[in-house]
N, C-alpha and C. Protein backbone atom coordinates (compact mmCIF):
# COMPACT_ATOMS: atom_id res chain seq x y z
N MET A 1 37.85 -30.39 -16.83
CA MET A 1 37.34 -30.56 -15.49
C MET A 1 37.29 -29.26 -14.70
N PRO A 2 38.30 -28.37 -14.82
CA PRO A 2 38.23 -27.11 -14.08
C PRO A 2 36.99 -26.29 -14.44
N ALA A 3 36.57 -26.33 -15.70
CA ALA A 3 35.39 -25.56 -16.10
C ALA A 3 34.15 -26.09 -15.38
N ALA A 4 34.04 -27.39 -15.25
CA ALA A 4 32.89 -27.99 -14.56
C ALA A 4 32.90 -27.60 -13.09
N ARG A 5 34.07 -27.55 -12.49
CA ARG A 5 34.18 -27.18 -11.08
C ARG A 5 33.77 -25.72 -10.88
N GLU A 6 34.25 -24.84 -11.77
CA GLU A 6 33.89 -23.42 -11.68
C GLU A 6 32.39 -23.23 -11.89
N GLU A 7 31.82 -24.01 -12.79
CA GLU A 7 30.38 -23.93 -13.04
C GLU A 7 29.60 -24.36 -11.79
N LYS A 8 30.05 -25.42 -11.13
CA LYS A 8 29.40 -25.89 -9.91
C LYS A 8 29.52 -24.84 -8.80
N LYS A 9 30.67 -24.20 -8.70
CA LYS A 9 30.85 -23.15 -7.69
C LYS A 9 29.92 -21.97 -7.97
N ALA A 10 29.81 -21.59 -9.24
CA ALA A 10 28.92 -20.48 -9.60
C ALA A 10 27.46 -20.85 -9.30
N GLU A 11 27.11 -22.10 -9.56
CA GLU A 11 25.75 -22.57 -9.28
C GLU A 11 25.47 -22.55 -7.78
N THR A 12 26.42 -22.99 -6.98
CA THR A 12 26.25 -22.97 -5.53
C THR A 12 26.11 -21.54 -5.02
N ARG A 13 26.94 -20.65 -5.54
CA ARG A 13 26.86 -19.24 -5.13
C ARG A 13 25.48 -18.66 -5.46
N ALA A 14 24.99 -18.94 -6.65
CA ALA A 14 23.68 -18.44 -7.06
C ALA A 14 22.57 -19.03 -6.18
N ARG A 15 22.66 -20.32 -5.87
CA ARG A 15 21.66 -20.96 -5.01
C ARG A 15 21.66 -20.34 -3.62
N LEU A 16 22.85 -20.09 -3.07
CA LEU A 16 22.94 -19.46 -1.75
C LEU A 16 22.35 -18.05 -1.76
N MET A 17 22.67 -17.29 -2.80
CA MET A 17 22.15 -15.93 -2.91
C MET A 17 20.62 -15.95 -3.01
N ARG A 18 20.10 -16.78 -3.90
CA ARG A 18 18.65 -16.83 -4.12
C ARG A 18 17.91 -17.33 -2.87
N GLU A 19 18.47 -18.31 -2.19
CA GLU A 19 17.82 -18.83 -0.98
C GLU A 19 17.84 -17.78 0.12
N THR A 20 18.91 -17.01 0.21
CA THR A 20 18.96 -15.92 1.19
C THR A 20 17.82 -14.95 0.93
N VAL A 21 17.66 -14.55 -0.32
CA VAL A 21 16.59 -13.62 -0.69
C VAL A 21 15.23 -14.24 -0.37
N LYS A 22 15.04 -15.47 -0.77
CA LYS A 22 13.75 -16.14 -0.55
C LYS A 22 13.40 -16.16 0.94
N LEU A 23 14.35 -16.56 1.77
CA LEU A 23 14.07 -16.64 3.20
C LEU A 23 13.85 -15.26 3.83
N VAL A 24 14.58 -14.26 3.38
CA VAL A 24 14.38 -12.91 3.90
C VAL A 24 13.01 -12.38 3.49
N LEU A 25 12.57 -12.68 2.28
CA LEU A 25 11.24 -12.25 1.84
C LEU A 25 10.15 -12.92 2.68
N ILE A 26 10.38 -14.15 3.09
CA ILE A 26 9.38 -14.88 3.88
C ILE A 26 9.46 -14.53 5.36
N HIS A 27 10.67 -14.53 5.91
CA HIS A 27 10.85 -14.41 7.36
C HIS A 27 11.41 -13.07 7.83
N GLY A 28 11.81 -12.22 6.91
CA GLY A 28 12.44 -10.96 7.28
C GLY A 28 13.90 -11.16 7.63
N THR A 29 14.62 -10.04 7.75
CA THR A 29 16.05 -10.15 8.04
C THR A 29 16.29 -10.70 9.44
N GLU A 30 15.44 -10.33 10.38
CA GLU A 30 15.63 -10.81 11.76
C GLU A 30 15.34 -12.31 11.87
N GLY A 31 14.50 -12.82 11.00
CA GLY A 31 14.12 -14.23 11.08
C GLY A 31 14.91 -15.15 10.17
N THR A 32 15.97 -14.63 9.58
CA THR A 32 16.78 -15.43 8.65
C THR A 32 18.23 -15.41 9.10
N THR A 33 18.79 -16.60 9.26
CA THR A 33 20.20 -16.70 9.65
C THR A 33 20.99 -17.39 8.54
N VAL A 34 22.30 -17.26 8.61
CA VAL A 34 23.17 -17.97 7.67
C VAL A 34 22.93 -19.46 7.79
N ALA A 35 22.75 -19.95 9.01
CA ALA A 35 22.50 -21.38 9.21
C ALA A 35 21.21 -21.82 8.52
N ASP A 36 20.17 -20.96 8.55
CA ASP A 36 18.91 -21.28 7.86
C ASP A 36 19.14 -21.41 6.36
N VAL A 37 19.88 -20.47 5.80
CA VAL A 37 20.15 -20.47 4.36
C VAL A 37 20.96 -21.70 3.99
N ALA A 38 22.02 -21.94 4.73
CA ALA A 38 22.89 -23.09 4.44
C ALA A 38 22.10 -24.39 4.50
N SER A 39 21.28 -24.54 5.52
CA SER A 39 20.48 -25.75 5.67
C SER A 39 19.52 -25.93 4.49
N ALA A 40 18.88 -24.85 4.08
CA ALA A 40 17.93 -24.93 2.96
C ALA A 40 18.61 -25.34 1.66
N VAL A 41 19.87 -24.95 1.50
CA VAL A 41 20.62 -25.29 0.28
C VAL A 41 21.31 -26.65 0.42
N GLY A 42 21.44 -27.12 1.65
CA GLY A 42 22.08 -28.41 1.88
C GLY A 42 23.59 -28.34 2.01
N VAL A 43 24.06 -27.20 2.53
CA VAL A 43 25.50 -27.03 2.76
C VAL A 43 25.69 -26.56 4.20
N SER A 44 26.92 -26.46 4.63
CA SER A 44 27.21 -25.98 5.98
C SER A 44 27.30 -24.45 5.99
N ALA A 45 27.19 -23.88 7.18
CA ALA A 45 27.37 -22.43 7.32
C ALA A 45 28.78 -22.04 6.88
N ARG A 46 29.73 -22.90 7.12
CA ARG A 46 31.11 -22.63 6.68
C ARG A 46 31.17 -22.51 5.15
N THR A 47 30.46 -23.40 4.47
CA THR A 47 30.42 -23.33 3.00
C THR A 47 29.79 -22.02 2.57
N PHE A 48 28.70 -21.61 3.23
CA PHE A 48 28.09 -20.32 2.92
C PHE A 48 29.15 -19.23 2.98
N HIS A 49 29.94 -19.23 4.06
CA HIS A 49 30.95 -18.19 4.26
C HIS A 49 32.12 -18.30 3.28
N ASN A 50 32.26 -19.42 2.61
CA ASN A 50 33.25 -19.52 1.53
C ASN A 50 32.81 -18.68 0.33
N TYR A 51 31.51 -18.46 0.21
CA TYR A 51 30.96 -17.72 -0.93
C TYR A 51 30.62 -16.27 -0.57
N PHE A 52 30.12 -16.05 0.61
CA PHE A 52 29.70 -14.72 1.05
C PHE A 52 30.18 -14.48 2.47
N PRO A 53 30.70 -13.29 2.76
CA PRO A 53 31.15 -13.02 4.13
C PRO A 53 29.98 -12.87 5.11
N SER A 54 28.79 -12.57 4.58
CA SER A 54 27.63 -12.36 5.44
C SER A 54 26.35 -12.55 4.63
N ARG A 55 25.27 -12.65 5.34
CA ARG A 55 23.95 -12.74 4.71
C ARG A 55 23.68 -11.46 3.92
N GLU A 56 24.11 -10.33 4.48
CA GLU A 56 23.90 -9.04 3.81
C GLU A 56 24.64 -8.99 2.47
N ALA A 57 25.82 -9.60 2.41
CA ALA A 57 26.58 -9.60 1.15
C ALA A 57 25.83 -10.36 0.06
N ALA A 58 25.17 -11.45 0.44
CA ALA A 58 24.37 -12.20 -0.54
C ALA A 58 23.20 -11.36 -1.02
N LEU A 59 22.57 -10.63 -0.09
CA LEU A 59 21.45 -9.76 -0.46
C LEU A 59 21.91 -8.62 -1.36
N GLU A 60 23.06 -8.03 -1.03
CA GLU A 60 23.59 -6.93 -1.84
C GLU A 60 23.90 -7.39 -3.26
N GLU A 61 24.45 -8.59 -3.40
CA GLU A 61 24.74 -9.09 -4.75
C GLU A 61 23.46 -9.27 -5.55
N PHE A 62 22.43 -9.81 -4.90
CA PHE A 62 21.14 -9.98 -5.57
C PHE A 62 20.59 -8.64 -6.04
N VAL A 63 20.60 -7.66 -5.15
CA VAL A 63 20.05 -6.34 -5.49
C VAL A 63 20.86 -5.72 -6.62
N THR A 64 22.17 -5.87 -6.59
CA THR A 64 23.02 -5.32 -7.65
C THR A 64 22.66 -5.95 -9.00
N ILE A 65 22.49 -7.26 -9.02
CA ILE A 65 22.13 -7.96 -10.26
C ILE A 65 20.77 -7.51 -10.76
N ARG A 66 19.77 -7.46 -9.88
CA ARG A 66 18.41 -7.09 -10.29
C ARG A 66 18.35 -5.61 -10.68
N ALA A 67 19.09 -4.76 -9.97
CA ALA A 67 19.10 -3.33 -10.30
C ALA A 67 19.73 -3.11 -11.67
N ALA A 68 20.76 -3.87 -11.99
CA ALA A 68 21.38 -3.75 -13.32
C ALA A 68 20.38 -4.15 -14.40
N ALA A 69 19.61 -5.19 -14.14
CA ALA A 69 18.59 -5.61 -15.11
C ALA A 69 17.51 -4.55 -15.24
N PHE A 70 17.10 -3.95 -14.11
CA PHE A 70 16.11 -2.88 -14.12
C PHE A 70 16.63 -1.68 -14.92
N LYS A 71 17.88 -1.33 -14.69
CA LYS A 71 18.50 -0.21 -15.40
C LYS A 71 18.51 -0.47 -16.91
N GLU A 72 18.86 -1.69 -17.31
CA GLU A 72 18.85 -2.04 -18.73
C GLU A 72 17.45 -1.87 -19.32
N GLU A 73 16.44 -2.30 -18.58
CA GLU A 73 15.06 -2.16 -19.06
C GLU A 73 14.67 -0.69 -19.18
N LEU A 74 15.07 0.14 -18.21
CA LEU A 74 14.79 1.58 -18.29
C LEU A 74 15.43 2.18 -19.54
N GLU A 75 16.67 1.79 -19.79
CA GLU A 75 17.41 2.35 -20.92
C GLU A 75 16.84 1.91 -22.27
N LYS A 76 16.15 0.77 -22.31
CA LYS A 76 15.56 0.27 -23.55
C LYS A 76 14.19 0.87 -23.84
N ALA A 77 13.66 1.63 -22.90
CA ALA A 77 12.31 2.17 -23.04
C ALA A 77 12.23 3.13 -24.23
N PRO A 78 11.11 3.09 -24.95
CA PRO A 78 10.93 4.05 -26.05
C PRO A 78 11.01 5.48 -25.53
N ALA A 79 11.58 6.35 -26.32
CA ALA A 79 11.81 7.74 -25.92
C ALA A 79 10.51 8.47 -25.57
N ASN A 80 9.42 8.08 -26.19
CA ASN A 80 8.15 8.78 -25.95
C ASN A 80 7.37 8.21 -24.76
N ASN A 81 7.88 7.18 -24.09
CA ASN A 81 7.21 6.63 -22.91
C ASN A 81 7.43 7.53 -21.71
N SER A 82 6.41 7.64 -20.88
CA SER A 82 6.58 8.36 -19.61
C SER A 82 7.28 7.42 -18.62
N LEU A 83 7.81 7.99 -17.55
CA LEU A 83 8.43 7.17 -16.51
C LEU A 83 7.40 6.20 -15.93
N LEU A 84 6.19 6.68 -15.69
CA LEU A 84 5.14 5.84 -15.14
C LEU A 84 4.86 4.66 -16.07
N ASP A 85 4.68 4.92 -17.36
CA ASP A 85 4.41 3.84 -18.31
C ASP A 85 5.57 2.85 -18.38
N THR A 86 6.79 3.38 -18.33
CA THR A 86 7.97 2.52 -18.41
C THR A 86 8.08 1.61 -17.20
N VAL A 87 7.95 2.19 -16.00
CA VAL A 87 8.05 1.37 -14.78
C VAL A 87 6.92 0.36 -14.74
N GLU A 88 5.72 0.78 -15.12
CA GLU A 88 4.59 -0.16 -15.15
C GLU A 88 4.89 -1.33 -16.08
N ALA A 89 5.40 -1.06 -17.27
CA ALA A 89 5.70 -2.13 -18.22
C ALA A 89 6.77 -3.08 -17.68
N ILE A 90 7.80 -2.52 -17.07
CA ILE A 90 8.88 -3.35 -16.52
C ILE A 90 8.34 -4.24 -15.40
N VAL A 91 7.56 -3.66 -14.50
CA VAL A 91 7.03 -4.43 -13.37
C VAL A 91 6.07 -5.51 -13.86
N LEU A 92 5.19 -5.16 -14.79
CA LEU A 92 4.25 -6.15 -15.31
C LEU A 92 4.97 -7.28 -16.05
N ASP A 93 5.96 -6.93 -16.86
CA ASP A 93 6.73 -7.97 -17.56
C ASP A 93 7.40 -8.90 -16.56
N SER A 94 7.95 -8.33 -15.51
CA SER A 94 8.62 -9.12 -14.49
C SER A 94 7.62 -10.01 -13.75
N PHE A 95 6.50 -9.43 -13.37
CA PHE A 95 5.49 -10.17 -12.60
C PHE A 95 4.88 -11.28 -13.44
N CYS A 96 4.53 -10.95 -14.68
CA CYS A 96 3.87 -11.93 -15.54
C CYS A 96 4.84 -12.96 -16.10
N GLY A 97 6.12 -12.60 -16.16
CA GLY A 97 7.11 -13.49 -16.75
C GLY A 97 7.75 -14.45 -15.77
N THR A 98 7.41 -14.35 -14.49
CA THR A 98 7.99 -15.24 -13.48
C THR A 98 6.90 -15.71 -12.56
N ASP A 99 7.22 -16.72 -11.79
CA ASP A 99 6.36 -17.11 -10.69
C ASP A 99 6.31 -15.90 -9.76
N ASN A 100 5.12 -15.46 -9.40
CA ASN A 100 5.01 -14.23 -8.62
C ASN A 100 5.63 -14.34 -7.24
N HIS A 101 5.96 -15.53 -6.79
CA HIS A 101 6.68 -15.70 -5.53
C HIS A 101 8.18 -15.80 -5.78
N SER A 102 8.56 -15.77 -7.02
CA SER A 102 9.96 -15.95 -7.39
C SER A 102 10.81 -14.77 -6.95
N VAL A 103 12.05 -15.06 -6.60
CA VAL A 103 12.96 -13.96 -6.29
C VAL A 103 13.32 -13.20 -7.55
N ASP A 104 13.00 -13.76 -8.72
CA ASP A 104 13.28 -13.07 -9.97
C ASP A 104 12.29 -11.95 -10.25
N ASN A 105 11.19 -11.93 -9.54
CA ASN A 105 10.22 -10.86 -9.67
C ASN A 105 10.92 -9.56 -9.29
N ILE A 106 10.90 -8.57 -10.16
CA ILE A 106 11.67 -7.34 -9.94
C ILE A 106 11.29 -6.63 -8.65
N VAL A 107 10.05 -6.76 -8.22
CA VAL A 107 9.64 -6.11 -6.98
C VAL A 107 10.41 -6.68 -5.80
N SER A 108 10.81 -7.95 -5.89
CA SER A 108 11.60 -8.56 -4.81
C SER A 108 12.89 -7.79 -4.56
N ALA A 109 13.52 -7.34 -5.62
CA ALA A 109 14.77 -6.61 -5.45
C ALA A 109 14.56 -5.33 -4.66
N PHE A 110 13.44 -4.68 -4.88
CA PHE A 110 13.19 -3.42 -4.20
C PHE A 110 12.59 -3.64 -2.82
N ARG A 111 12.09 -4.82 -2.57
CA ARG A 111 11.68 -5.17 -1.21
C ARG A 111 12.91 -5.46 -0.38
N ILE A 112 13.96 -5.95 -0.99
CA ILE A 112 15.20 -6.25 -0.27
C ILE A 112 15.98 -4.97 -0.01
N SER A 113 15.98 -4.06 -0.93
CA SER A 113 16.79 -2.85 -0.77
C SER A 113 15.97 -1.60 -0.99
N THR A 114 16.07 -0.67 -0.06
CA THR A 114 15.44 0.63 -0.26
C THR A 114 16.48 1.67 -0.65
N ALA A 115 17.68 1.23 -0.87
CA ALA A 115 18.78 2.15 -1.20
C ALA A 115 18.95 2.25 -2.71
N LEU A 116 17.95 2.75 -3.40
CA LEU A 116 18.02 2.84 -4.86
C LEU A 116 19.11 3.78 -5.34
N GLU A 117 19.38 4.83 -4.60
CA GLU A 117 20.42 5.76 -5.03
C GLU A 117 21.76 5.06 -5.15
N SER A 118 22.03 4.14 -4.25
CA SER A 118 23.31 3.44 -4.29
C SER A 118 23.41 2.54 -5.52
N LEU A 119 22.28 2.27 -6.14
CA LEU A 119 22.27 1.45 -7.34
C LEU A 119 22.13 2.30 -8.60
N HIS A 120 22.27 3.60 -8.46
CA HIS A 120 22.25 4.54 -9.58
C HIS A 120 20.90 4.59 -10.29
N GLY A 121 19.83 4.24 -9.60
CA GLY A 121 18.51 4.28 -10.21
C GLY A 121 18.10 5.68 -10.63
N ALA A 122 18.36 6.66 -9.79
CA ALA A 122 17.97 8.03 -10.11
C ALA A 122 18.75 8.56 -11.30
N ARG A 123 20.04 8.25 -11.37
CA ARG A 123 20.83 8.73 -12.51
C ARG A 123 20.32 8.14 -13.82
N THR A 124 19.93 6.88 -13.79
CA THR A 124 19.39 6.25 -14.99
C THR A 124 18.08 6.92 -15.38
N CYS A 125 17.21 7.21 -14.41
CA CYS A 125 15.94 7.88 -14.71
C CYS A 125 16.19 9.24 -15.33
N THR A 126 17.12 9.99 -14.78
CA THR A 126 17.41 11.32 -15.30
C THR A 126 17.94 11.24 -16.73
N LYS A 127 18.79 10.25 -17.00
CA LYS A 127 19.34 10.08 -18.35
C LYS A 127 18.24 9.69 -19.33
N CYS A 128 17.38 8.77 -18.93
CA CYS A 128 16.33 8.28 -19.83
C CYS A 128 15.14 9.23 -19.92
N PHE A 129 14.93 10.03 -18.87
CA PHE A 129 13.81 10.96 -18.81
C PHE A 129 14.37 12.33 -18.45
N PRO A 130 14.97 13.04 -19.42
CA PRO A 130 15.70 14.27 -19.13
C PRO A 130 14.85 15.39 -18.55
N THR A 131 13.54 15.30 -18.62
CA THR A 131 12.71 16.35 -18.02
C THR A 131 12.67 16.25 -16.50
N LEU A 132 13.17 15.15 -15.96
CA LEU A 132 13.20 14.97 -14.50
C LEU A 132 14.59 15.31 -13.99
N ASP A 133 14.65 16.19 -12.98
CA ASP A 133 15.96 16.39 -12.35
C ASP A 133 16.18 15.24 -11.37
N SER A 134 17.37 15.10 -10.85
CA SER A 134 17.70 13.93 -10.04
C SER A 134 16.81 13.75 -8.81
N PRO A 135 16.57 14.78 -7.99
CA PRO A 135 15.67 14.55 -6.85
C PRO A 135 14.26 14.16 -7.29
N GLU A 136 13.77 14.79 -8.36
CA GLU A 136 12.44 14.46 -8.86
C GLU A 136 12.41 13.02 -9.37
N ALA A 137 13.48 12.60 -10.06
CA ALA A 137 13.55 11.23 -10.57
C ALA A 137 13.56 10.23 -9.42
N THR A 138 14.33 10.53 -8.39
CA THR A 138 14.41 9.64 -7.23
C THR A 138 13.04 9.50 -6.58
N ILE A 139 12.37 10.63 -6.36
CA ILE A 139 11.05 10.61 -5.73
C ILE A 139 10.06 9.84 -6.60
N ALA A 140 10.06 10.11 -7.90
CA ALA A 140 9.13 9.43 -8.81
C ALA A 140 9.40 7.93 -8.82
N LEU A 141 10.67 7.55 -8.91
CA LEU A 141 11.00 6.13 -8.95
C LEU A 141 10.60 5.43 -7.66
N TYR A 142 10.93 6.03 -6.51
CA TYR A 142 10.51 5.45 -5.23
C TYR A 142 8.99 5.31 -5.17
N GLY A 143 8.30 6.34 -5.59
CA GLY A 143 6.84 6.30 -5.55
C GLY A 143 6.25 5.21 -6.42
N LEU A 144 6.75 5.10 -7.64
CA LEU A 144 6.23 4.09 -8.56
C LEU A 144 6.56 2.68 -8.08
N LEU A 145 7.75 2.49 -7.54
CA LEU A 145 8.10 1.16 -7.03
C LEU A 145 7.33 0.83 -5.76
N ALA A 146 7.01 1.85 -4.96
CA ALA A 146 6.18 1.62 -3.78
C ALA A 146 4.78 1.19 -4.20
N ILE A 147 4.27 1.78 -5.27
CA ILE A 147 2.97 1.39 -5.81
C ILE A 147 3.01 -0.07 -6.23
N ALA A 148 4.05 -0.45 -6.95
CA ALA A 148 4.19 -1.84 -7.38
C ALA A 148 4.30 -2.77 -6.18
N TRP A 149 5.09 -2.38 -5.20
CA TRP A 149 5.29 -3.18 -3.99
C TRP A 149 3.95 -3.39 -3.29
N ALA A 150 3.17 -2.32 -3.14
CA ALA A 150 1.88 -2.42 -2.45
C ALA A 150 0.93 -3.35 -3.21
N ALA A 151 0.94 -3.27 -4.53
CA ALA A 151 0.06 -4.14 -5.32
C ALA A 151 0.48 -5.60 -5.19
N VAL A 152 1.78 -5.87 -5.23
CA VAL A 152 2.25 -7.25 -5.08
C VAL A 152 1.95 -7.76 -3.67
N ASP A 153 2.12 -6.91 -2.66
CA ASP A 153 1.76 -7.30 -1.29
C ASP A 153 0.27 -7.63 -1.19
N ALA A 154 -0.58 -6.80 -1.81
CA ALA A 154 -2.02 -7.06 -1.79
C ALA A 154 -2.32 -8.39 -2.46
N TYR A 155 -1.64 -8.66 -3.55
CA TYR A 155 -1.82 -9.94 -4.25
C TYR A 155 -1.42 -11.10 -3.35
N GLN A 156 -0.30 -10.96 -2.67
CA GLN A 156 0.18 -12.06 -1.83
C GLN A 156 -0.69 -12.27 -0.59
N GLN A 157 -1.51 -11.29 -0.25
CA GLN A 157 -2.45 -11.44 0.87
C GLN A 157 -3.74 -12.13 0.45
N LEU A 158 -3.97 -12.28 -0.85
CA LEU A 158 -5.17 -12.97 -1.32
C LEU A 158 -5.10 -14.43 -0.88
N PRO A 159 -6.26 -15.03 -0.63
CA PRO A 159 -6.25 -16.45 -0.23
C PRO A 159 -5.77 -17.34 -1.37
N GLU A 160 -5.14 -18.44 -0.99
CA GLU A 160 -4.70 -19.44 -1.97
C GLU A 160 -5.92 -20.18 -2.49
N PRO A 161 -5.95 -20.68 -3.67
CA PRO A 161 -4.94 -20.45 -4.71
C PRO A 161 -5.15 -19.09 -5.37
N ARG A 162 -4.06 -18.40 -5.61
CA ARG A 162 -4.12 -17.09 -6.26
C ARG A 162 -3.87 -17.27 -7.76
N ALA A 163 -4.58 -16.52 -8.54
CA ALA A 163 -4.37 -16.56 -9.99
C ALA A 163 -3.42 -15.43 -10.37
N PRO A 164 -2.37 -15.71 -11.13
CA PRO A 164 -1.45 -14.65 -11.56
C PRO A 164 -2.18 -13.50 -12.25
N ALA A 165 -3.27 -13.79 -12.94
CA ALA A 165 -4.03 -12.73 -13.60
C ALA A 165 -4.57 -11.73 -12.58
N ASP A 166 -4.89 -12.20 -11.37
CA ASP A 166 -5.35 -11.28 -10.32
C ASP A 166 -4.23 -10.33 -9.92
N GLY A 167 -3.01 -10.84 -9.82
CA GLY A 167 -1.86 -9.99 -9.50
C GLY A 167 -1.59 -8.98 -10.59
N GLU A 168 -1.69 -9.43 -11.83
CA GLU A 168 -1.49 -8.52 -12.95
C GLU A 168 -2.53 -7.40 -12.91
N GLN A 169 -3.78 -7.76 -12.62
CA GLN A 169 -4.84 -6.75 -12.57
C GLN A 169 -4.61 -5.77 -11.42
N LEU A 170 -4.18 -6.27 -10.27
CA LEU A 170 -3.87 -5.38 -9.15
C LEU A 170 -2.76 -4.39 -9.53
N LEU A 171 -1.73 -4.87 -10.22
CA LEU A 171 -0.66 -3.98 -10.67
C LEU A 171 -1.19 -2.93 -11.64
N ARG A 172 -1.99 -3.37 -12.62
CA ARG A 172 -2.54 -2.41 -13.59
C ARG A 172 -3.43 -1.37 -12.89
N ASP A 173 -4.27 -1.84 -11.96
CA ASP A 173 -5.13 -0.91 -11.21
C ASP A 173 -4.30 0.08 -10.40
N ALA A 174 -3.22 -0.41 -9.79
CA ALA A 174 -2.37 0.46 -8.98
C ALA A 174 -1.73 1.55 -9.85
N PHE A 175 -1.22 1.18 -11.01
CA PHE A 175 -0.61 2.19 -11.88
C PHE A 175 -1.66 3.12 -12.47
N ASN A 176 -2.87 2.63 -12.73
CA ASN A 176 -3.94 3.52 -13.20
C ASN A 176 -4.34 4.51 -12.10
N THR A 177 -4.32 4.07 -10.85
CA THR A 177 -4.57 4.99 -9.74
C THR A 177 -3.51 6.08 -9.70
N ALA A 178 -2.26 5.69 -9.91
CA ALA A 178 -1.17 6.68 -9.93
C ALA A 178 -1.39 7.69 -11.05
N ARG A 179 -1.85 7.22 -12.20
CA ARG A 179 -2.12 8.14 -13.32
C ARG A 179 -3.21 9.14 -12.94
N ARG A 180 -4.27 8.65 -12.29
CA ARG A 180 -5.37 9.54 -11.91
C ARG A 180 -4.91 10.57 -10.88
N LEU A 181 -3.99 10.17 -10.00
CA LEU A 181 -3.52 11.07 -8.95
C LEU A 181 -2.49 12.08 -9.44
N ALA A 182 -1.85 11.76 -10.54
CA ALA A 182 -0.76 12.62 -11.03
C ALA A 182 -1.35 13.88 -11.68
N ASN A 183 -0.79 15.01 -11.32
CA ASN A 183 -1.19 16.27 -11.95
C ASN A 183 -0.26 16.65 -13.08
N VAL A 184 0.86 15.95 -13.18
CA VAL A 184 1.83 16.22 -14.23
C VAL A 184 2.11 14.93 -14.98
N HIS A 185 2.63 15.07 -16.17
CA HIS A 185 3.01 13.91 -16.98
C HIS A 185 4.35 13.41 -16.47
N VAL A 186 4.31 12.30 -15.72
CA VAL A 186 5.53 11.74 -15.13
C VAL A 186 6.16 10.78 -16.09
């Protein structure tokens, strides 16, 4: 019985975290309260606070989890891939592998947090792409993720019903634009 209880607690924690992210993506941080999140999950604000001290803590946990997954994907990239090709592949896999409105979409993590350095993103880029020094890696990573973010935003502005293939094409076009603009092999 204790295992079932722990599993239910973990499930509630995950639901609270995901709902916090979902509401912040829709309404922004100013438009999302702990009470909103708790209500959407069907629990009290007090229950929310049993799991997270604040809305920000739920967001930070989400970003930490997604950043760790992003880091794993970077580290698995073939040695001969460029940073641009690697980030494009990760973003496309994430976009095409989930509901594009899903909080599991990797771009969601970077829409929630602009503090990539705190998640060791630049260090991972430097390790996986040794030709980039840390400031260059940080700038390149921010730029490539901004490209992905802009493409996903453009997709989400399309009238309903949207076809996921349209989002995938916008992402591919965005990364191809980056390739055309680049004067160096990133």
